[in-house]
Protein backbone atom coordinates (compact mmCIF):
# COMPACT_ATOMS: atom_id res chain seq x y z
CA UNK A 1 88.78 205.98 112.67
CA UNK A 2 86.63 203.46 113.83
CA UNK A 3 83.57 204.48 111.24
CA UNK A 4 86.38 203.44 109.07
CA UNK A 5 87.75 200.04 110.52
CA UNK A 6 84.07 199.37 110.78
CA UNK A 7 83.28 200.46 107.33
CA UNK A 8 85.55 197.81 106.30
CA UNK A 9 84.89 195.07 108.21
CA UNK A 10 80.84 194.66 107.04
CA UNK A 11 82.19 195.75 103.32
CA UNK A 12 83.90 192.22 103.77
CA UNK A 13 81.67 190.20 105.05
CA UNK A 14 79.17 191.25 102.50
CA UNK A 15 81.27 190.69 99.79
CA UNK A 16 82.67 186.77 101.16
CA UNK A 17 78.97 186.46 101.48
CA UNK A 18 77.67 186.94 97.83
CA UNK A 19 80.95 184.96 96.63
CA UNK A 20 79.56 182.13 99.03
CA UNK A 21 75.50 182.01 97.41
CA UNK A 22 77.51 182.68 94.01
CA UNK A 23 79.36 179.35 94.63
CA UNK A 24 76.46 177.56 96.41
CA UNK A 25 73.63 178.47 92.93
CA UNK A 26 76.56 177.69 90.41
CA UNK A 27 79.22 175.39 91.86
CA UNK A 28 82.74 175.56 91.09
CA UNK A 29 83.82 175.13 87.55
CA UNK A 30 85.23 171.43 87.58
CA UNK A 31 82.08 170.84 88.31
CA UNK A 32 81.14 171.04 84.89
CA UNK A 33 81.53 168.04 82.40
CA UNK A 34 82.34 165.33 84.82
CA UNK A 35 79.79 162.84 84.80
CA UNK A 36 81.09 159.67 84.28
CA UNK A 37 82.19 157.53 87.35
CA UNK A 38 85.31 155.03 86.52
CA UNK A 39 86.24 152.11 89.04
CA UNK A 40 88.41 149.21 89.00
CA UNK A 41 91.06 147.05 90.09
CA UNK A 42 94.70 146.64 88.52
CA UNK A 43 96.30 142.37 88.85
CA UNK A 44 99.01 141.11 87.41
CA UNK A 45 98.02 139.17 84.44
CA UNK A 46 101.09 136.64 85.32
CA UNK A 47 99.75 136.20 89.07
CA UNK A 48 96.25 137.47 89.23
CA UNK A 49 97.41 139.82 92.30
CA UNK A 50 96.75 143.03 92.63
CA UNK A 51 99.40 145.79 91.69
CA UNK A 52 99.15 149.35 93.81
CA UNK A 53 101.37 152.28 92.46
CA UNK A 54 99.92 152.15 88.96
CA UNK A 55 99.33 155.80 87.96
CA UNK A 56 95.67 155.76 85.91
CA UNK A 57 95.13 159.02 83.95
CA UNK A 58 92.79 160.82 81.97
CA UNK A 59 95.41 162.97 79.73
CA UNK A 60 92.33 164.88 77.80
CA UNK A 61 91.16 166.20 80.92
CA UNK A 62 94.21 166.69 83.68
CA UNK A 63 93.20 164.27 85.91
CA UNK A 64 95.15 160.61 87.52
CA UNK A 65 95.26 158.73 90.62
CA UNK A 66 97.33 156.07 91.94
CA UNK A 67 95.82 152.77 92.44
CA UNK A 68 95.64 151.56 96.26
CA UNK A 69 97.26 148.21 97.87
CA UNK A 70 94.67 146.17 96.85
CA UNK A 71 95.10 147.58 93.46
CA UNK A 72 91.52 149.59 93.37
CA UNK A 73 90.96 152.96 91.64
CA UNK A 74 88.30 155.22 91.18
CA UNK A 75 87.30 158.94 89.80
CA UNK A 76 85.57 161.13 88.01
CA UNK A 77 85.81 161.99 84.47
CA UNK A 78 84.24 162.69 81.21
CA UNK A 79 82.18 159.62 78.81
CA UNK A 80 84.53 158.96 75.80
CA UNK A 81 87.81 159.24 77.46
CA UNK A 82 91.14 157.39 77.06
CA UNK A 83 92.70 156.03 80.40
CA UNK A 84 96.46 155.36 80.49
CA UNK A 85 97.87 153.39 83.16
CA UNK A 86 101.46 153.06 83.60
CA UNK A 87 103.76 151.57 86.60
CA UNK A 88 105.35 155.21 87.71
CA UNK A 89 107.26 153.59 90.57
CA UNK A 90 109.91 151.42 88.57
CA UNK A 91 110.94 148.55 90.10
CA UNK A 92 109.61 148.92 93.36
CA UNK A 93 106.61 146.49 92.08
CA UNK A 94 108.19 145.09 89.21
CA UNK A 95 107.42 146.71 86.05
CA UNK A 96 104.46 146.79 84.16
CA UNK A 97 103.74 147.29 79.91
CA UNK A 98 102.00 150.82 79.93
CA UNK A 99 98.13 150.42 78.90
CA UNK A 100 95.41 152.18 77.70
CA UNK A 101 91.12 151.71 77.14
CA UNK A 102 88.84 154.81 75.70
CA UNK A 103 85.55 154.35 78.19
CA UNK A 104 82.92 155.05 76.12
CA UNK A 105 79.21 154.42 78.15
CA UNK A 106 75.87 155.71 78.94
CA UNK A 107 75.60 154.72 82.34
CA UNK A 108 77.13 156.54 85.27
CA UNK A 109 79.29 154.48 86.24
CA UNK A 110 81.82 152.01 85.17
CA UNK A 111 83.46 149.21 86.52
CA UNK A 112 87.22 148.22 84.93
CA UNK A 113 88.81 144.68 85.63
CA UNK A 114 92.82 145.66 84.25
CA UNK A 115 95.41 143.11 84.27
CA UNK A 116 98.71 144.34 83.32
CA UNK A 117 101.62 142.43 81.90
CA UNK A 118 105.20 142.76 82.72
CA UNK A 119 107.70 144.16 80.51
């Protein structure tokens, strides 16, 4: 009984060790292909003030983030990607028209200054 238990524990530890070594050598699948760091700030075109709660999404990559209190955002994505800016919280911070843009750049890092119009 004790030999079986000890054998299962050692076998589990060996399998776990192999999984960690594999991940350390090859990474995780979501790491591949995401090589462009996009950051920026979303402001209101009417007032020039930062807008929080705007959803920035890359539909082709299934990624999204939201602007913070200072209107700033950042995400890793691929090159030649369409970014969509949407006001998803409704009237909480006014209603802004959606906007999209295509980011195509040879650099590793891009800064976007986005100005949204009120509806």
